[in-house]
């Protein structure tokens, strides 16, 4: 029987690390890591986020589930084979005040899987520090993520600051908040709106957004 996101979410909420890992390892026998992130882990964590937003689970429950999911994502990352050669650079972070990071870790893994060098900066990174780091490293892509809708203005502020850099990195905006927002609210020239991991994979491989409104060459 195919594993369902709800089943995995329930294990996360119960703190069942070993059982969750066993299910994921079973899933990976017949699916790719991309399938794992897109079809299983992301829907499971979205479900947990919805339960928390509707006060069905507590903050403690959400933190426990996130920790278990982090354990599973890290274990899956160990299975990834590295790609050798010249690597383009991606910087991945969440704005100050943003505490969710599982989605960013999956994005980081997807870039690595496609041969990129990644600086995963984590959540809650002050803008000044983020800009200073980007100036030193000069990534081709800066990926920003927000889980909650009220973080979107901060995401816009960060994106605007990165667009001002002289080496002009492509700005990717993603996360649960972006997936449910009106794209016209956050879309700017030089910015790519990514609704899910499959769309991100397509963009990494083709340089095109799903709507094909913008086309960035990253080859």
N, C-alpha and C. Protein backbone atom coordinates (compact mmCIF):
# COMPACT_ATOMS: atom_id res chain seq x y z
N UNK A 1 0.85 -1.21 0.00
CA UNK A 1 0.00 0.00 0.00
C UNK A 1 0.88 1.25 0.00
N UNK A 2 0.52 2.22 -0.84
CA UNK A 2 1.28 3.46 -0.95
C UNK A 2 1.17 4.27 0.35
N UNK A 3 2.30 4.79 0.79
CA UNK A 3 2.33 5.60 2.01
C UNK A 3 1.64 6.93 1.73
N UNK A 4 0.81 7.38 2.67
CA UNK A 4 0.08 8.63 2.52
C UNK A 4 0.68 9.73 3.40
N UNK A 5 0.62 11.00 2.97
CA UNK A 5 1.16 12.09 3.79
C UNK A 5 0.54 12.14 5.19
N UNK A 6 -0.76 11.86 5.31
CA UNK A 6 -1.42 11.90 6.62
C UNK A 6 -0.79 10.88 7.57
N UNK A 7 -0.48 9.70 7.04
CA UNK A 7 0.14 8.66 7.86
C UNK A 7 1.48 9.13 8.39
N UNK A 8 2.26 9.77 7.53
CA UNK A 8 3.57 10.26 7.95
C UNK A 8 3.42 11.43 8.92
N UNK A 9 2.47 12.32 8.67
CA UNK A 9 2.23 13.45 9.57
C UNK A 9 1.87 12.96 10.97
N UNK A 10 1.06 11.92 11.05
CA UNK A 10 0.67 11.37 12.35
C UNK A 10 1.88 10.82 13.10
N UNK A 11 2.80 10.19 12.38
CA UNK A 11 4.02 9.69 13.01
C UNK A 11 4.90 10.84 13.49
N UNK A 12 4.99 11.91 12.70
CA UNK A 12 5.74 13.09 13.13
C UNK A 12 5.17 13.65 14.42
N UNK A 13 3.85 13.79 14.46
CA UNK A 13 3.20 14.37 15.63
C UNK A 13 3.33 13.48 16.87
N UNK A 14 3.45 12.18 16.64
CA UNK A 14 3.60 11.23 17.76
C UNK A 14 5.06 11.10 18.21
N UNK A 15 5.97 11.76 17.48
CA UNK A 15 7.38 11.67 17.83
C UNK A 15 8.03 10.35 17.48
N UNK A 16 7.44 9.64 16.53
CA UNK A 16 7.90 8.29 16.16
C UNK A 16 9.00 8.38 15.09
N UNK A 17 10.20 8.73 15.51
CA UNK A 17 11.31 8.91 14.57
C UNK A 17 11.62 7.64 13.78
N UNK A 18 11.78 6.53 14.49
CA UNK A 18 12.20 5.30 13.83
C UNK A 18 11.15 4.78 12.87
N UNK A 19 9.88 4.82 13.28
CA UNK A 19 8.81 4.37 12.40
C UNK A 19 8.70 5.25 11.17
N UNK A 20 8.84 6.57 11.37
CA UNK A 20 8.78 7.50 10.23
C UNK A 20 9.93 7.22 9.27
N UNK A 21 11.13 6.99 9.81
CA UNK A 21 12.28 6.72 8.96
C UNK A 21 12.10 5.40 8.20
N UNK A 22 11.55 4.41 8.85
CA UNK A 22 11.30 3.13 8.18
C UNK A 22 10.35 3.30 7.00
N UNK A 23 9.29 4.10 7.20
CA UNK A 23 8.35 4.34 6.11
C UNK A 23 9.03 5.06 4.95
N UNK A 24 9.86 6.05 5.29
CA UNK A 24 10.55 6.81 4.26
C UNK A 24 11.54 5.93 3.50
N UNK A 25 12.28 5.10 4.22
CA UNK A 25 13.22 4.19 3.56
C UNK A 25 12.48 3.21 2.65
N UNK A 26 11.32 2.77 3.10
CA UNK A 26 10.49 1.89 2.26
C UNK A 26 10.04 2.64 1.01
N UNK A 27 9.64 3.89 1.18
CA UNK A 27 9.19 4.72 0.05
C UNK A 27 10.32 4.92 -0.96
N UNK A 28 11.54 5.15 -0.47
CA UNK A 28 12.68 5.43 -1.34
C UNK A 28 13.13 4.21 -2.14
N UNK A 29 12.66 3.05 -1.79
CA UNK A 29 12.99 1.86 -2.56
C UNK A 29 12.37 1.90 -3.96
N UNK A 30 11.27 2.64 -4.08
CA UNK A 30 10.56 2.69 -5.35
C UNK A 30 10.37 4.12 -5.87
N UNK A 31 10.85 5.11 -5.14
CA UNK A 31 10.67 6.51 -5.53
C UNK A 31 11.98 7.27 -5.37
N UNK A 32 12.06 8.40 -6.04
CA UNK A 32 13.23 9.27 -5.94
C UNK A 32 13.12 10.17 -4.71
N UNK A 33 14.25 10.81 -4.37
CA UNK A 33 14.20 11.80 -3.29
C UNK A 33 13.28 12.96 -3.66
N UNK A 34 13.27 13.34 -4.93
CA UNK A 34 12.37 14.38 -5.38
C UNK A 34 10.92 14.00 -5.10
N UNK A 35 10.56 12.75 -5.39
CA UNK A 35 9.20 12.27 -5.08
C UNK A 35 8.93 12.34 -3.59
N UNK A 36 9.94 11.95 -2.81
CA UNK A 36 9.79 11.98 -1.35
C UNK A 36 9.46 13.38 -0.87
N UNK A 37 10.22 14.37 -1.33
CA UNK A 37 10.01 15.74 -0.88
C UNK A 37 8.68 16.31 -1.38
N UNK A 38 8.40 16.07 -2.68
CA UNK A 38 7.25 16.70 -3.32
C UNK A 38 5.93 16.01 -2.98
N UNK A 39 5.94 14.69 -2.99
CA UNK A 39 4.70 13.93 -2.85
C UNK A 39 4.37 13.54 -1.40
N UNK A 40 5.38 13.50 -0.53
CA UNK A 40 5.15 12.96 0.80
C UNK A 40 5.48 13.94 1.92
N UNK A 41 6.72 14.41 1.99
CA UNK A 41 7.12 15.24 3.12
C UNK A 41 6.45 16.61 3.11
N UNK A 42 6.42 17.27 1.94
CA UNK A 42 5.80 18.60 1.89
C UNK A 42 4.32 18.56 2.24
N UNK A 43 3.51 17.65 1.65
CA UNK A 43 2.10 17.58 2.06
C UNK A 43 1.93 17.24 3.54
N UNK A 44 2.81 16.39 4.08
CA UNK A 44 2.71 16.04 5.50
C UNK A 44 2.94 17.26 6.37
N UNK A 45 3.95 18.07 6.03
CA UNK A 45 4.23 19.25 6.83
C UNK A 45 3.20 20.35 6.62
N UNK A 46 2.64 20.44 5.42
CA UNK A 46 1.55 21.40 5.20
C UNK A 46 0.35 21.04 6.07
N UNK A 47 0.08 19.75 6.17
CA UNK A 47 -1.03 19.30 7.01
C UNK A 47 -0.78 19.70 8.47
N UNK A 48 0.43 19.50 8.94
CA UNK A 48 0.76 19.87 10.31
C UNK A 48 0.62 21.37 10.51
N UNK A 49 1.07 22.15 9.52
CA UNK A 49 0.92 23.60 9.61
C UNK A 49 -0.53 24.03 9.69
N UNK A 50 -1.39 23.39 8.92
CA UNK A 50 -2.82 23.70 8.95
C UNK A 50 -3.44 23.34 10.30
N UNK A 51 -3.04 22.22 10.87
CA UNK A 51 -3.54 21.82 12.19
C UNK A 51 -3.14 22.85 13.24
N UNK A 52 -1.90 23.33 13.14
CA UNK A 52 -1.42 24.32 14.11
C UNK A 52 -2.16 25.65 13.93
N UNK A 53 -2.32 26.09 12.70
CA UNK A 53 -2.99 27.36 12.45
C UNK A 53 -4.44 27.34 12.91
N UNK A 54 -5.05 26.16 12.92
CA UNK A 54 -6.45 26.02 13.36
C UNK A 54 -6.57 25.60 14.82
N UNK A 55 -5.46 25.70 15.56
CA UNK A 55 -5.43 25.41 17.00
C UNK A 55 -5.87 23.98 17.34
N UNK A 56 -5.65 23.06 16.41
CA UNK A 56 -5.95 21.65 16.67
C UNK A 56 -4.78 20.97 17.36
N UNK A 57 -3.57 21.47 17.10
CA UNK A 57 -2.38 21.00 17.80
C UNK A 57 -1.68 22.21 18.41
N UNK A 58 -0.81 21.95 19.38
CA UNK A 58 -0.12 23.04 20.07
C UNK A 58 1.21 23.37 19.39
N UNK A 59 1.82 24.47 19.84
CA UNK A 59 3.14 24.83 19.34
C UNK A 59 4.14 23.72 19.64
N UNK A 60 4.01 23.12 20.83
CA UNK A 60 4.90 22.02 21.19
C UNK A 60 4.74 20.84 20.23
N UNK A 61 3.51 20.54 19.86
CA UNK A 61 3.25 19.46 18.90
C UNK A 61 3.92 19.77 17.57
N UNK A 62 3.77 21.02 17.12
CA UNK A 62 4.35 21.42 15.84
C UNK A 62 5.87 21.34 15.87
N UNK A 63 6.48 21.73 16.99
CA UNK A 63 7.93 21.66 17.12
C UNK A 63 8.42 20.22 17.11
N UNK A 64 7.70 19.35 17.80
CA UNK A 64 8.08 17.94 17.82
C UNK A 64 8.00 17.35 16.42
N UNK A 65 6.92 17.63 15.71
CA UNK A 65 6.75 17.11 14.35
C UNK A 65 7.85 17.63 13.43
N UNK A 66 8.21 18.90 13.58
CA UNK A 66 9.27 19.48 12.76
C UNK A 66 10.61 18.81 13.04
N UNK A 67 10.89 18.54 14.32
CA UNK A 67 12.14 17.89 14.68
C UNK A 67 12.23 16.49 14.08
N UNK A 68 11.13 15.75 14.10
CA UNK A 68 11.12 14.40 13.53
C UNK A 68 11.29 14.47 12.02
N UNK A 69 10.61 15.41 11.38
CA UNK A 69 10.75 15.58 9.94
C UNK A 69 12.19 15.96 9.58
N UNK A 70 12.81 16.82 10.38
CA UNK A 70 14.20 17.21 10.17
C UNK A 70 15.10 15.97 10.20
N UNK A 71 14.87 15.10 11.15
CA UNK A 71 15.63 13.86 11.26
C UNK A 71 15.50 13.02 9.99
N UNK A 72 14.28 12.93 9.48
CA UNK A 72 14.03 12.13 8.28
C UNK A 72 14.68 12.77 7.05
N UNK A 73 14.56 14.09 6.92
CA UNK A 73 15.16 14.80 5.79
C UNK A 73 16.68 14.62 5.81
N UNK A 74 17.28 14.74 6.99
CA UNK A 74 18.74 14.58 7.10
C UNK A 74 19.17 13.17 6.72
N UNK A 75 18.39 12.16 7.12
CA UNK A 75 18.71 10.79 6.77
C UNK A 75 18.61 10.57 5.26
N UNK A 76 17.59 11.17 4.65
CA UNK A 76 17.43 11.04 3.20
C UNK A 76 18.57 11.74 2.47
N UNK A 77 19.04 12.86 3.01
CA UNK A 77 20.13 13.61 2.40
C UNK A 77 21.41 12.78 2.34
N UNK A 78 21.62 11.92 3.32
CA UNK A 78 22.82 11.09 3.35
C UNK A 78 22.87 10.10 2.19
N UNK A 79 21.71 9.79 1.61
CA UNK A 79 21.65 8.86 0.49
C UNK A 79 21.99 9.51 -0.84
N UNK A 80 22.07 10.83 -0.86
CA UNK A 80 22.30 11.54 -2.11
C UNK A 80 23.75 11.39 -2.55
N UNK A 81 23.94 11.10 -3.83
CA UNK A 81 25.26 11.01 -4.41
C UNK A 81 25.68 12.39 -4.93
N UNK A 82 26.90 12.80 -4.60
CA UNK A 82 27.37 14.12 -5.03
C UNK A 82 27.72 14.11 -6.51
N UNK A 83 27.57 15.26 -7.14
CA UNK A 83 27.92 15.44 -8.54
C UNK A 83 29.19 16.27 -8.62
N UNK A 84 30.19 15.77 -9.34
CA UNK A 84 31.46 16.46 -9.43
C UNK A 84 31.47 17.46 -10.58
N UNK A 85 32.44 18.38 -10.52
CA UNK A 85 32.57 19.36 -11.59
C UNK A 85 32.37 20.77 -11.07
N UNK A 86 32.41 21.75 -11.99
CA UNK A 86 32.20 23.15 -11.64
C UNK A 86 30.75 23.34 -11.18
N UNK A 87 30.59 23.98 -10.05
CA UNK A 87 29.26 24.09 -9.48
C UNK A 87 28.80 25.55 -9.41
N UNK A 88 27.61 25.78 -9.89
CA UNK A 88 26.98 27.08 -9.69
C UNK A 88 26.55 27.19 -8.23
N UNK A 89 26.25 28.42 -7.80
CA UNK A 89 26.07 28.66 -6.37
C UNK A 89 24.66 29.15 -6.04
N UNK A 90 24.09 28.58 -5.00
CA UNK A 90 22.78 28.99 -4.51
C UNK A 90 22.85 29.24 -3.01
N UNK A 91 22.26 30.35 -2.59
CA UNK A 91 22.20 30.72 -1.18
C UNK A 91 20.74 30.62 -0.74
N UNK A 92 20.49 29.92 0.37
CA UNK A 92 19.12 29.62 0.77
C UNK A 92 18.91 30.07 2.22
N UNK A 93 17.84 30.84 2.44
CA UNK A 93 17.61 31.39 3.78
C UNK A 93 16.17 31.79 3.99
N UNK A 94 15.84 32.01 5.26
CA UNK A 94 14.55 32.56 5.64
C UNK A 94 14.75 33.92 6.29
N UNK A 95 13.84 34.87 6.10
CA UNK A 95 14.02 36.22 6.65
C UNK A 95 13.91 36.24 8.17
N UNK A 96 14.36 37.32 8.74
CA UNK A 96 14.31 37.48 10.20
C UNK A 96 12.87 37.31 10.68
N UNK A 97 12.70 36.51 11.74
CA UNK A 97 11.38 36.22 12.27
C UNK A 97 10.78 34.94 11.75
N UNK A 98 11.30 34.43 10.63
CA UNK A 98 10.82 33.17 10.06
C UNK A 98 11.52 32.00 10.75
N UNK A 99 10.73 31.12 11.37
CA UNK A 99 11.32 30.01 12.11
C UNK A 99 11.27 28.67 11.42
N UNK A 100 10.51 28.57 10.34
CA UNK A 100 10.35 27.28 9.65
C UNK A 100 11.52 27.05 8.69
N UNK A 101 12.01 25.83 8.67
CA UNK A 101 13.22 25.57 7.89
C UNK A 101 13.20 24.26 7.11
N UNK A 102 12.24 23.38 7.36
CA UNK A 102 12.24 22.08 6.69
C UNK A 102 12.17 22.25 5.17
N UNK A 103 11.29 23.13 4.70
CA UNK A 103 11.18 23.37 3.26
C UNK A 103 12.49 23.85 2.67
N UNK A 104 13.20 24.72 3.40
CA UNK A 104 14.48 25.22 2.92
C UNK A 104 15.51 24.11 2.81
N UNK A 105 15.47 23.17 3.75
CA UNK A 105 16.41 22.05 3.69
C UNK A 105 16.12 21.17 2.48
N UNK A 106 14.85 21.00 2.14
CA UNK A 106 14.51 20.21 0.96
C UNK A 106 14.94 20.94 -0.31
N UNK A 107 14.78 22.25 -0.33
CA UNK A 107 15.24 23.05 -1.48
C UNK A 107 16.76 22.93 -1.61
N UNK A 108 17.47 23.02 -0.49
CA UNK A 108 18.92 22.86 -0.49
C UNK A 108 19.33 21.52 -1.08
N UNK A 109 18.65 20.46 -0.65
CA UNK A 109 18.96 19.13 -1.15
C UNK A 109 18.71 19.02 -2.64
N UNK A 110 17.64 19.64 -3.13
CA UNK A 110 17.32 19.58 -4.55
C UNK A 110 18.38 20.28 -5.39
N UNK A 111 18.86 21.44 -4.93
CA UNK A 111 19.93 22.12 -5.65
C UNK A 111 21.19 21.25 -5.68
N UNK A 112 21.54 20.66 -4.53
CA UNK A 112 22.74 19.81 -4.47
C UNK A 112 22.60 18.62 -5.41
N UNK A 113 21.41 18.04 -5.43
CA UNK A 113 21.15 16.88 -6.28
C UNK A 113 21.38 17.21 -7.75
N UNK A 114 21.19 18.50 -8.10
CA UNK A 114 21.38 18.93 -9.48
C UNK A 114 22.74 19.58 -9.72
N UNK A 115 23.68 19.34 -8.80
CA UNK A 115 25.06 19.74 -9.03
C UNK A 115 25.45 21.13 -8.58
N UNK A 116 24.63 21.78 -7.75
CA UNK A 116 24.93 23.13 -7.30
C UNK A 116 25.71 23.09 -5.99
N UNK A 117 26.51 24.13 -5.77
CA UNK A 117 27.11 24.38 -4.47
C UNK A 117 26.14 25.23 -3.68
N UNK A 118 25.87 24.84 -2.44
CA UNK A 118 24.80 25.49 -1.67
C UNK A 118 25.34 26.03 -0.35
N UNK A 119 24.97 27.26 -0.05
CA UNK A 119 25.12 27.80 1.30
C UNK A 119 23.73 27.85 1.92
N UNK A 120 23.44 26.88 2.77
CA UNK A 120 22.16 26.85 3.48
C UNK A 120 22.32 27.68 4.74
N UNK A 121 21.71 28.86 4.77
CA UNK A 121 21.90 29.81 5.86
C UNK A 121 20.88 29.65 6.98
N UNK A 122 19.84 28.85 6.70
CA UNK A 122 18.83 28.60 7.71
C UNK A 122 17.80 29.72 7.82
N UNK A 123 16.87 29.59 8.77
CA UNK A 123 15.82 30.60 8.96
C UNK A 123 16.31 31.76 9.83
N UNK A 124 15.47 32.78 9.91
CA UNK A 124 15.67 33.87 10.87
C UNK A 124 17.02 34.58 10.70
N UNK A 125 17.39 34.84 9.45
CA UNK A 125 18.67 35.50 9.17
C UNK A 125 18.44 37.00 8.97
N UNK A 126 19.08 37.85 9.78
CA UNK A 126 18.92 39.30 9.60
C UNK A 126 19.34 39.73 8.20
N UNK A 127 18.65 40.72 7.67
CA UNK A 127 18.89 41.16 6.30
C UNK A 127 20.32 41.65 6.10
N UNK A 128 20.83 42.44 7.01
CA UNK A 128 22.18 42.97 6.85
C UNK A 128 23.20 41.85 6.74
N UNK A 129 23.07 40.83 7.58
CA UNK A 129 24.00 39.71 7.54
C UNK A 129 23.86 38.93 6.25
N UNK A 130 22.62 38.77 5.79
CA UNK A 130 22.37 38.04 4.54
C UNK A 130 23.02 38.75 3.35
N UNK A 131 22.87 40.07 3.30
CA UNK A 131 23.44 40.84 2.20
C UNK A 131 24.97 40.80 2.25
N UNK A 132 25.55 40.92 3.43
CA UNK A 132 27.01 40.86 3.56
C UNK A 132 27.54 39.53 3.07
N UNK A 133 26.87 38.44 3.45
CA UNK A 133 27.30 37.11 3.03
C UNK A 133 27.20 36.96 1.52
N UNK A 134 26.11 37.46 0.95
CA UNK A 134 25.92 37.36 -0.50
C UNK A 134 26.98 38.16 -1.25
N UNK A 135 27.35 39.32 -0.74
CA UNK A 135 28.38 40.13 -1.40
C UNK A 135 29.71 39.39 -1.43
N UNK A 136 30.01 38.66 -0.37
CA UNK A 136 31.28 37.92 -0.32
C UNK A 136 31.27 36.71 -1.25
N UNK A 137 30.15 35.98 -1.29
CA UNK A 137 30.11 34.70 -1.99
C UNK A 137 29.62 34.81 -3.43
N UNK A 138 28.79 35.82 -3.70
CA UNK A 138 28.23 36.10 -5.03
C UNK A 138 27.52 34.88 -5.65
N UNK A 139 26.43 34.45 -5.03
CA UNK A 139 25.67 33.33 -5.60
C UNK A 139 24.90 33.74 -6.85
N UNK A 140 24.71 32.80 -7.77
CA UNK A 140 23.87 33.06 -8.94
C UNK A 140 22.40 33.13 -8.56
N UNK A 141 22.03 32.40 -7.49
CA UNK A 141 20.64 32.32 -7.05
C UNK A 141 20.56 32.54 -5.55
N UNK A 142 19.57 33.33 -5.14
CA UNK A 142 19.23 33.48 -3.72
C UNK A 142 17.80 33.00 -3.55
N UNK A 143 17.60 31.95 -2.75
CA UNK A 143 16.27 31.39 -2.51
C UNK A 143 15.78 31.81 -1.14
N UNK A 144 14.60 32.44 -1.10
CA UNK A 144 14.00 32.93 0.14
C UNK A 144 12.69 32.19 0.39
N UNK A 145 12.41 31.90 1.66
CA UNK A 145 11.22 31.10 1.97
C UNK A 145 10.48 31.69 3.16
N UNK A 146 9.14 31.58 3.11
CA UNK A 146 8.29 31.97 4.23
C UNK A 146 7.14 30.99 4.33
N UNK A 147 6.84 30.56 5.55
CA UNK A 147 5.77 29.59 5.76
C UNK A 147 4.42 30.25 6.03
N UNK A 148 4.44 31.42 6.65
CA UNK A 148 3.20 32.07 7.04
C UNK A 148 2.98 33.35 6.23
N UNK A 149 1.72 33.62 5.90
CA UNK A 149 1.38 34.71 5.00
C UNK A 149 1.86 36.06 5.52
N UNK A 150 1.83 36.28 6.82
CA UNK A 150 2.22 37.59 7.33
C UNK A 150 3.74 37.83 7.22
N UNK A 151 4.48 36.82 6.77
CA UNK A 151 5.90 37.01 6.51
C UNK A 151 6.18 37.52 5.08
N UNK A 152 5.17 37.58 4.25
CA UNK A 152 5.38 37.98 2.86
C UNK A 152 5.97 39.39 2.72
N UNK A 153 5.56 40.38 3.50
CA UNK A 153 6.21 41.69 3.37
C UNK A 153 7.71 41.63 3.64
N UNK A 154 8.12 40.82 4.63
CA UNK A 154 9.55 40.66 4.91
C UNK A 154 10.25 40.00 3.73
N UNK A 155 9.57 39.04 3.11
CA UNK A 155 10.13 38.36 1.94
C UNK A 155 10.34 39.37 0.81
N UNK A 156 9.36 40.25 0.61
CA UNK A 156 9.49 41.29 -0.41
C UNK A 156 10.65 42.24 -0.11
N UNK A 157 10.81 42.59 1.16
CA UNK A 157 11.89 43.49 1.56
C UNK A 157 13.26 42.87 1.26
N UNK A 158 13.40 41.59 1.60
CA UNK A 158 14.67 40.89 1.35
C UNK A 158 14.91 40.78 -0.15
N UNK A 159 13.88 40.41 -0.89
CA UNK A 159 14.04 40.26 -2.34
C UNK A 159 14.48 41.57 -2.98
N UNK A 160 13.87 42.66 -2.56
CA UNK A 160 14.22 43.97 -3.10
C UNK A 160 15.69 44.31 -2.82
N UNK A 161 16.16 43.98 -1.61
CA UNK A 161 17.55 44.27 -1.25
C UNK A 161 18.52 43.43 -2.08
N UNK A 162 18.20 42.17 -2.30
CA UNK A 162 19.07 41.31 -3.11
C UNK A 162 19.08 41.75 -4.58
N UNK A 163 17.95 42.26 -5.06
CA UNK A 163 17.91 42.72 -6.46
C UNK A 163 18.80 43.91 -6.70
N UNK A 164 19.17 44.65 -5.65
CA UNK A 164 20.01 45.82 -5.78
C UNK A 164 21.49 45.46 -5.88
N UNK A 165 21.86 44.21 -5.61
CA UNK A 165 23.26 43.82 -5.65
C UNK A 165 23.80 43.91 -7.08
N UNK A 166 25.05 44.33 -7.22
CA UNK A 166 25.58 44.59 -8.56
C UNK A 166 25.75 43.34 -9.41
N UNK A 167 25.87 42.15 -8.80
CA UNK A 167 26.04 40.93 -9.59
C UNK A 167 24.70 40.29 -9.96
N UNK A 168 23.59 40.89 -9.55
CA UNK A 168 22.24 40.56 -9.98
C UNK A 168 21.89 39.06 -9.88
N UNK A 169 21.83 38.53 -8.67
CA UNK A 169 21.40 37.13 -8.54
C UNK A 169 19.92 37.00 -8.88
N UNK A 170 19.54 35.83 -9.36
CA UNK A 170 18.12 35.52 -9.53
C UNK A 170 17.54 35.25 -8.15
N UNK A 171 16.39 35.83 -7.85
CA UNK A 171 15.74 35.66 -6.56
C UNK A 171 14.61 34.65 -6.70
N UNK A 172 14.67 33.58 -5.91
CA UNK A 172 13.58 32.60 -5.87
C UNK A 172 12.79 32.80 -4.59
N UNK A 173 11.47 32.87 -4.72
CA UNK A 173 10.60 32.99 -3.56
C UNK A 173 9.75 31.72 -3.47
N UNK A 174 9.77 31.08 -2.29
CA UNK A 174 9.00 29.87 -2.11
C UNK A 174 8.54 29.72 -0.67
N UNK A 175 7.97 28.55 -0.38
CA UNK A 175 7.42 28.28 0.94
C UNK A 175 5.91 28.25 0.91
N UNK A 176 5.32 27.80 1.98
CA UNK A 176 3.88 27.63 2.03
C UNK A 176 3.13 28.95 1.81
N UNK A 177 3.66 30.05 2.36
CA UNK A 177 3.00 31.34 2.19
C UNK A 177 2.95 31.74 0.72
N UNK A 178 4.06 31.50 0.03
CA UNK A 178 4.12 31.84 -1.40
C UNK A 178 3.19 30.95 -2.22
N UNK A 179 3.07 29.69 -1.82
CA UNK A 179 2.26 28.74 -2.59
C UNK A 179 0.78 29.12 -2.60
N UNK A 180 0.32 29.86 -1.59
CA UNK A 180 -1.09 30.22 -1.51
C UNK A 180 -1.33 31.71 -1.80
N UNK A 181 -0.26 32.46 -2.04
CA UNK A 181 -0.41 33.90 -2.27
C UNK A 181 -0.72 34.20 -3.73
N UNK A 182 -1.25 35.37 -3.97
CA UNK A 182 -1.46 35.86 -5.33
C UNK A 182 -0.09 36.22 -5.91
N UNK A 183 0.35 35.54 -6.99
CA UNK A 183 1.68 35.80 -7.53
C UNK A 183 1.93 37.26 -7.89
N UNK A 184 0.87 37.97 -8.30
CA UNK A 184 1.05 39.36 -8.69
C UNK A 184 1.45 40.24 -7.51
N UNK A 185 1.19 39.74 -6.30
CA UNK A 185 1.52 40.51 -5.10
C UNK A 185 3.02 40.49 -4.82
N UNK A 186 3.70 39.42 -5.22
CA UNK A 186 5.10 39.25 -4.87
C UNK A 186 6.02 39.19 -6.08
N UNK A 187 5.46 39.16 -7.28
CA UNK A 187 6.29 39.01 -8.47
C UNK A 187 6.89 40.37 -8.87
N UNK A 188 8.19 40.36 -9.11
CA UNK A 188 8.91 41.52 -9.63
C UNK A 188 9.89 41.03 -10.67
N UNK A 189 10.32 41.92 -11.55
CA UNK A 189 11.35 41.56 -12.51
C UNK A 189 12.61 41.11 -11.76
N UNK A 190 13.16 39.99 -12.16
CA UNK A 190 14.32 39.42 -11.48
C UNK A 190 13.96 38.46 -10.38
N UNK A 191 12.66 38.21 -10.21
CA UNK A 191 12.19 37.32 -9.15
C UNK A 191 11.40 36.17 -9.74
N UNK A 192 11.67 34.97 -9.28
CA UNK A 192 10.94 33.78 -9.72
C UNK A 192 10.10 33.27 -8.56
N UNK A 193 8.81 33.10 -8.79
CA UNK A 193 7.89 32.57 -7.78
C UNK A 193 7.78 31.07 -7.97
N UNK A 194 8.14 30.31 -6.94
CA UNK A 194 8.15 28.85 -7.01
C UNK A 194 7.08 28.30 -6.07
N UNK A 195 6.09 27.63 -6.65
CA UNK A 195 4.96 27.14 -5.87
C UNK A 195 5.23 25.81 -5.18
N UNK A 196 6.07 24.97 -5.79
CA UNK A 196 6.34 23.67 -5.19
C UNK A 196 7.69 23.15 -5.69
N UNK A 197 8.10 22.00 -5.16
CA UNK A 197 9.42 21.47 -5.48
C UNK A 197 9.53 20.99 -6.92
N UNK A 198 8.45 20.48 -7.47
CA UNK A 198 8.50 20.05 -8.86
C UNK A 198 8.74 21.25 -9.77
N UNK A 199 8.09 22.36 -9.48
CA UNK A 199 8.30 23.58 -10.27
C UNK A 199 9.73 24.07 -10.12
N UNK A 200 10.28 23.94 -8.90
CA UNK A 200 11.67 24.34 -8.68
C UNK A 200 12.61 23.45 -9.50
N UNK A 201 12.37 22.16 -9.49
CA UNK A 201 13.20 21.24 -10.27
C UNK A 201 13.16 21.61 -11.75
N UNK A 202 11.96 21.89 -12.25
CA UNK A 202 11.83 22.28 -13.66
C UNK A 202 12.61 23.56 -13.94
N UNK A 203 12.54 24.51 -13.02
CA UNK A 203 13.24 25.77 -13.22
C UNK A 203 14.75 25.57 -13.21
N UNK A 204 15.25 24.76 -12.27
CA UNK A 204 16.69 24.49 -12.20
C UNK A 204 17.18 23.90 -13.52
N UNK A 205 16.38 23.03 -14.11
CA UNK A 205 16.81 22.31 -15.30
C UNK A 205 16.57 23.09 -16.60
N UNK A 206 15.61 24.03 -16.59
CA UNK A 206 15.28 24.74 -17.82
C UNK A 206 15.46 26.24 -17.74
N UNK A 207 15.46 26.81 -16.54
CA UNK A 207 15.53 28.26 -16.40
C UNK A 207 14.21 28.96 -16.65
N UNK A 208 13.11 28.19 -16.77
CA UNK A 208 11.81 28.78 -17.08
C UNK A 208 10.82 28.55 -15.95
N UNK A 209 10.00 29.58 -15.69
CA UNK A 209 8.88 29.43 -14.77
C UNK A 209 7.74 28.70 -15.45
N UNK A 210 6.85 28.16 -14.63
CA UNK A 210 5.72 27.42 -15.17
C UNK A 210 4.88 28.28 -16.10
N UNK A 211 4.66 29.55 -15.72
CA UNK A 211 3.85 30.46 -16.52
C UNK A 211 4.63 31.06 -17.69
N UNK A 212 5.97 30.85 -17.66
CA UNK A 212 6.84 31.32 -18.73
C UNK A 212 6.77 32.84 -18.91
N UNK A 213 6.47 33.56 -17.81
CA UNK A 213 6.46 35.00 -17.89
C UNK A 213 7.88 35.57 -17.93
N UNK A 214 8.78 34.90 -17.21
CA UNK A 214 10.17 35.31 -17.18
C UNK A 214 11.03 34.11 -17.55
N UNK A 215 12.19 34.38 -18.11
CA UNK A 215 13.10 33.31 -18.50
C UNK A 215 14.50 33.75 -18.10
N UNK A 216 15.11 33.03 -17.17
CA UNK A 216 16.44 33.35 -16.71
C UNK A 216 17.40 32.26 -17.13
N UNK A 217 18.46 32.61 -17.81
CA UNK A 217 19.46 31.62 -18.19
C UNK A 217 20.40 31.42 -17.02
N UNK A 218 20.53 30.18 -16.57
CA UNK A 218 21.47 29.87 -15.50
C UNK A 218 22.48 28.85 -15.97
N UNK A 219 22.55 28.63 -17.31
CA UNK A 219 23.48 27.66 -17.85
C UNK A 219 24.88 28.24 -17.96
